[in-house]
């Protein structure tokens, strides 16, 4: 796991994704203000999943509309790992 708070790490992912300085990303910044379309949003979720080594369930993705909501969602997932659905292994042949 990388160093830094969840908020710092989420902001760093957003900044790298948008190719801007982290100082330009604020907690209250919305995805709309960042100019993210639905494909960007999906790619950003993949980046966050990789950064935090977790899977973001679809219902959590739908509720994330700002940097603060993304931070809250990631923090909740980190605090409640038993609530995250797991992907079943593929059936053995």
N, C-alpha and C. Protein backbone atom coordinates (compact mmCIF):
# COMPACT_ATOMS: atom_id res chain seq x y z
N UNK A 1 0.84 -1.19 0.00
CA UNK A 1 0.00 0.00 0.00
C UNK A 1 0.89 1.24 0.00
N UNK A 2 0.51 2.24 -0.78
CA UNK A 2 1.29 3.47 -0.87
C UNK A 2 1.15 4.29 0.40
N UNK A 3 2.10 5.21 0.59
CA UNK A 3 2.03 6.11 1.72
C UNK A 3 1.00 7.20 1.45
N UNK A 4 0.55 7.86 2.52
CA UNK A 4 -0.39 8.96 2.38
C UNK A 4 -1.79 8.57 2.82
N UNK A 5 -2.56 9.58 3.16
CA UNK A 5 -3.94 9.33 3.57
C UNK A 5 -4.76 8.91 2.36
N UNK A 6 -5.93 8.37 2.63
CA UNK A 6 -6.82 7.98 1.54
C UNK A 6 -7.11 9.18 0.66
N UNK A 7 -7.42 10.32 1.27
CA UNK A 7 -7.73 11.53 0.49
C UNK A 7 -6.55 11.93 -0.39
N UNK A 8 -5.34 11.92 0.16
CA UNK A 8 -4.16 12.30 -0.62
C UNK A 8 -3.95 11.35 -1.80
N UNK A 9 -4.15 10.07 -1.54
CA UNK A 9 -3.96 9.07 -2.60
C UNK A 9 -5.03 9.19 -3.68
N UNK A 10 -6.29 9.41 -3.28
CA UNK A 10 -7.36 9.59 -4.26
C UNK A 10 -7.08 10.83 -5.11
N UNK A 11 -6.71 11.93 -4.47
CA UNK A 11 -6.40 13.16 -5.20
C UNK A 11 -5.24 12.94 -6.16
N UNK A 12 -4.23 12.19 -5.72
CA UNK A 12 -3.09 11.90 -6.59
C UNK A 12 -3.53 11.11 -7.83
N UNK A 13 -4.42 10.14 -7.65
CA UNK A 13 -4.94 9.36 -8.77
C UNK A 13 -5.73 10.26 -9.73
N UNK A 14 -6.60 11.11 -9.18
CA UNK A 14 -7.37 12.03 -10.01
C UNK A 14 -6.45 12.96 -10.78
N UNK A 15 -5.44 13.52 -10.10
CA UNK A 15 -4.52 14.46 -10.73
C UNK A 15 -3.74 13.79 -11.87
N UNK A 16 -3.26 12.57 -11.62
CA UNK A 16 -2.52 11.85 -12.66
C UNK A 16 -3.43 11.55 -13.84
N UNK A 17 -4.66 11.17 -13.54
CA UNK A 17 -5.62 10.84 -14.59
C UNK A 17 -5.92 12.05 -15.47
N UNK A 18 -6.10 13.20 -14.84
CA UNK A 18 -6.43 14.44 -15.57
C UNK A 18 -5.18 15.20 -16.02
N UNK A 19 -4.00 14.70 -15.63
CA UNK A 19 -2.73 15.33 -15.98
C UNK A 19 -2.67 16.79 -15.50
N UNK A 20 -3.01 16.96 -14.22
CA UNK A 20 -2.93 18.27 -13.57
C UNK A 20 -2.19 18.10 -12.24
N UNK A 21 -1.82 19.20 -11.64
CA UNK A 21 -1.17 19.17 -10.33
C UNK A 21 -2.19 18.78 -9.27
N UNK A 22 -1.78 17.96 -8.28
CA UNK A 22 -2.71 17.59 -7.20
C UNK A 22 -3.34 18.79 -6.51
N UNK A 23 -2.62 19.91 -6.44
CA UNK A 23 -3.16 21.11 -5.79
C UNK A 23 -4.39 21.67 -6.51
N UNK A 24 -4.59 21.26 -7.77
CA UNK A 24 -5.75 21.73 -8.53
C UNK A 24 -7.01 20.91 -8.22
N UNK A 25 -6.85 19.78 -7.53
CA UNK A 25 -7.97 18.91 -7.21
C UNK A 25 -8.36 19.15 -5.76
N UNK A 26 -9.58 19.56 -5.55
CA UNK A 26 -10.10 19.83 -4.20
C UNK A 26 -11.11 18.76 -3.82
N UNK A 27 -11.34 18.59 -2.53
CA UNK A 27 -12.30 17.59 -2.06
C UNK A 27 -13.70 17.85 -2.62
N UNK A 28 -14.07 19.12 -2.75
CA UNK A 28 -15.43 19.45 -3.20
C UNK A 28 -15.57 19.42 -4.73
N UNK A 29 -14.47 19.16 -5.45
CA UNK A 29 -14.51 19.10 -6.90
C UNK A 29 -15.39 17.93 -7.34
N UNK A 30 -16.32 18.22 -8.26
CA UNK A 30 -17.19 17.16 -8.77
C UNK A 30 -16.58 16.56 -10.03
N UNK A 31 -17.03 15.36 -10.38
CA UNK A 31 -16.56 14.72 -11.60
C UNK A 31 -16.93 15.58 -12.80
N UNK A 32 -18.12 16.21 -12.73
CA UNK A 32 -18.56 17.07 -13.81
C UNK A 32 -17.60 18.24 -14.00
N UNK A 33 -17.17 18.85 -12.89
CA UNK A 33 -16.23 19.97 -12.96
C UNK A 33 -14.89 19.53 -13.55
N UNK A 34 -14.54 18.25 -13.36
CA UNK A 34 -13.30 17.73 -13.93
C UNK A 34 -13.46 17.35 -15.40
N UNK A 35 -14.70 17.43 -15.90
CA UNK A 35 -14.96 17.10 -17.29
C UNK A 35 -14.92 15.61 -17.57
N UNK A 36 -15.26 14.80 -16.57
CA UNK A 36 -15.23 13.35 -16.73
C UNK A 36 -16.53 12.86 -17.35
N UNK A 37 -16.42 12.09 -18.43
CA UNK A 37 -17.61 11.45 -18.97
C UNK A 37 -17.70 10.05 -18.37
N UNK A 38 -18.69 9.27 -18.79
CA UNK A 38 -18.90 7.97 -18.16
C UNK A 38 -17.72 7.02 -18.39
N UNK A 39 -17.09 7.08 -19.56
CA UNK A 39 -15.93 6.23 -19.83
C UNK A 39 -14.75 6.65 -18.96
N UNK A 40 -14.54 7.96 -18.82
CA UNK A 40 -13.49 8.46 -17.93
C UNK A 40 -13.74 7.97 -16.51
N UNK A 41 -15.01 8.02 -16.08
CA UNK A 41 -15.36 7.59 -14.73
C UNK A 41 -15.01 6.13 -14.50
N UNK A 42 -15.31 5.28 -15.49
CA UNK A 42 -14.96 3.86 -15.37
C UNK A 42 -13.45 3.68 -15.29
N UNK A 43 -12.73 4.36 -16.16
CA UNK A 43 -11.27 4.25 -16.14
C UNK A 43 -10.68 4.75 -14.83
N UNK A 44 -11.27 5.81 -14.30
CA UNK A 44 -10.82 6.35 -13.02
C UNK A 44 -11.07 5.34 -11.89
N UNK A 45 -12.21 4.67 -11.91
CA UNK A 45 -12.50 3.65 -10.91
C UNK A 45 -11.47 2.52 -10.99
N UNK A 46 -11.11 2.12 -12.21
CA UNK A 46 -10.08 1.08 -12.37
C UNK A 46 -8.76 1.55 -11.75
N UNK A 47 -8.42 2.82 -11.96
CA UNK A 47 -7.19 3.37 -11.39
C UNK A 47 -7.24 3.35 -9.85
N UNK A 48 -8.40 3.72 -9.30
CA UNK A 48 -8.55 3.70 -7.84
C UNK A 48 -8.49 2.28 -7.31
N UNK A 49 -9.10 1.33 -8.02
CA UNK A 49 -9.05 -0.06 -7.59
C UNK A 49 -7.61 -0.56 -7.56
N UNK A 50 -6.84 -0.17 -8.55
CA UNK A 50 -5.43 -0.58 -8.61
C UNK A 50 -4.63 0.07 -7.48
N UNK A 51 -4.85 1.36 -7.26
CA UNK A 51 -4.13 2.10 -6.21
C UNK A 51 -4.37 1.50 -4.83
N UNK A 52 -5.63 1.12 -4.58
CA UNK A 52 -5.99 0.64 -3.24
C UNK A 52 -6.12 -0.88 -3.16
N UNK A 53 -5.88 -1.57 -4.26
CA UNK A 53 -5.95 -3.03 -4.32
C UNK A 53 -7.28 -3.54 -3.76
N UNK A 54 -8.36 -3.02 -4.34
CA UNK A 54 -9.70 -3.46 -3.95
C UNK A 54 -10.64 -3.36 -5.13
N UNK A 55 -11.83 -3.93 -4.96
CA UNK A 55 -12.85 -3.86 -6.00
C UNK A 55 -13.96 -2.92 -5.52
N UNK A 56 -14.31 -1.96 -6.35
CA UNK A 56 -15.38 -1.03 -6.00
C UNK A 56 -16.68 -1.58 -6.59
N UNK A 57 -17.64 -1.96 -5.72
CA UNK A 57 -18.91 -2.49 -6.22
C UNK A 57 -19.68 -1.43 -7.02
N UNK A 58 -20.51 -1.90 -7.95
CA UNK A 58 -21.26 -0.99 -8.82
C UNK A 58 -22.09 0.02 -8.04
N UNK A 59 -22.70 -0.41 -6.93
CA UNK A 59 -23.54 0.54 -6.18
C UNK A 59 -22.70 1.66 -5.58
N UNK A 60 -21.46 1.38 -5.22
CA UNK A 60 -20.56 2.44 -4.71
C UNK A 60 -20.15 3.36 -5.85
N UNK A 61 -19.88 2.78 -7.02
CA UNK A 61 -19.48 3.59 -8.17
C UNK A 61 -20.58 4.59 -8.49
N UNK A 62 -21.83 4.14 -8.49
CA UNK A 62 -22.97 5.00 -8.83
C UNK A 62 -23.11 6.17 -7.86
N UNK A 63 -22.67 5.98 -6.61
CA UNK A 63 -22.85 7.04 -5.61
C UNK A 63 -21.70 8.04 -5.60
N UNK A 64 -20.65 7.80 -6.35
CA UNK A 64 -19.48 8.69 -6.36
C UNK A 64 -19.65 9.74 -7.45
N UNK A 65 -19.84 10.99 -7.02
CA UNK A 65 -20.02 12.10 -7.96
C UNK A 65 -19.02 13.23 -7.72
N UNK A 66 -18.18 13.09 -6.69
CA UNK A 66 -17.20 14.12 -6.37
C UNK A 66 -15.97 13.46 -5.76
N UNK A 67 -14.91 14.23 -5.64
CA UNK A 67 -13.69 13.71 -5.02
C UNK A 67 -13.99 13.27 -3.59
N UNK A 68 -14.74 14.08 -2.85
CA UNK A 68 -15.07 13.75 -1.45
C UNK A 68 -15.85 12.44 -1.38
N UNK A 69 -16.80 12.23 -2.28
CA UNK A 69 -17.58 10.99 -2.27
C UNK A 69 -16.71 9.80 -2.65
N UNK A 70 -15.75 10.00 -3.55
CA UNK A 70 -14.82 8.92 -3.89
C UNK A 70 -13.96 8.56 -2.68
N UNK A 71 -13.47 9.58 -1.97
CA UNK A 71 -12.67 9.34 -0.77
C UNK A 71 -13.50 8.60 0.27
N UNK A 72 -14.73 9.06 0.51
CA UNK A 72 -15.60 8.39 1.49
C UNK A 72 -15.88 6.95 1.09
N UNK A 73 -16.14 6.71 -0.19
CA UNK A 73 -16.41 5.36 -0.66
C UNK A 73 -15.22 4.44 -0.50
N UNK A 74 -14.04 4.92 -0.88
CA UNK A 74 -12.82 4.12 -0.74
C UNK A 74 -12.54 3.85 0.72
N UNK A 75 -12.68 4.88 1.56
CA UNK A 75 -12.44 4.70 3.00
C UNK A 75 -13.39 3.66 3.57
N UNK A 76 -14.66 3.70 3.18
CA UNK A 76 -15.63 2.72 3.67
C UNK A 76 -15.22 1.31 3.26
N UNK A 77 -14.80 1.16 1.99
CA UNK A 77 -14.38 -0.16 1.52
C UNK A 77 -13.16 -0.67 2.28
N UNK A 78 -12.23 0.24 2.56
CA UNK A 78 -11.03 -0.16 3.33
C UNK A 78 -11.39 -0.54 4.76
N UNK A 79 -12.37 0.15 5.33
CA UNK A 79 -12.79 -0.11 6.72
C UNK A 79 -13.70 -1.32 6.84
N UNK A 80 -14.32 -1.73 5.73
CA UNK A 80 -15.30 -2.83 5.75
C UNK A 80 -14.97 -3.88 4.69
N UNK A 81 -13.79 -4.48 4.74
CA UNK A 81 -13.41 -5.43 3.68
C UNK A 81 -14.34 -6.63 3.59
N UNK A 82 -15.00 -6.97 4.68
CA UNK A 82 -15.92 -8.11 4.66
C UNK A 82 -17.21 -7.79 3.92
N UNK A 83 -17.46 -6.52 3.60
CA UNK A 83 -18.67 -6.12 2.88
C UNK A 83 -18.46 -6.08 1.37
N UNK A 84 -17.22 -6.28 0.93
CA UNK A 84 -16.91 -6.19 -0.49
C UNK A 84 -17.17 -7.55 -1.12
N UNK A 85 -18.00 -7.58 -2.16
CA UNK A 85 -18.23 -8.87 -2.82
C UNK A 85 -16.95 -9.38 -3.47
N UNK A 86 -16.75 -10.65 -3.41
CA UNK A 86 -15.57 -11.23 -4.03
C UNK A 86 -15.97 -11.86 -5.36
N UNK A 87 -15.02 -11.89 -6.24
CA UNK A 87 -15.25 -12.51 -7.54
C UNK A 87 -14.94 -13.99 -7.38
N UNK A 88 -15.91 -14.86 -7.66
CA UNK A 88 -15.64 -16.29 -7.50
C UNK A 88 -14.59 -16.76 -8.49
N UNK A 89 -13.77 -17.72 -8.07
CA UNK A 89 -12.75 -18.23 -8.99
C UNK A 89 -13.43 -18.95 -10.16
N UNK A 90 -12.77 -18.99 -11.30
CA UNK A 90 -13.37 -19.69 -12.45
C UNK A 90 -13.47 -21.18 -12.15
N UNK A 91 -14.49 -21.82 -12.70
CA UNK A 91 -14.62 -23.26 -12.46
C UNK A 91 -13.43 -24.00 -13.04
N UNK A 92 -12.98 -25.02 -12.34
CA UNK A 92 -11.85 -25.80 -12.85
C UNK A 92 -12.34 -26.74 -13.95
N UNK A 93 -11.48 -26.90 -14.92
CA UNK A 93 -11.87 -27.71 -16.09
C UNK A 93 -11.70 -29.19 -15.85
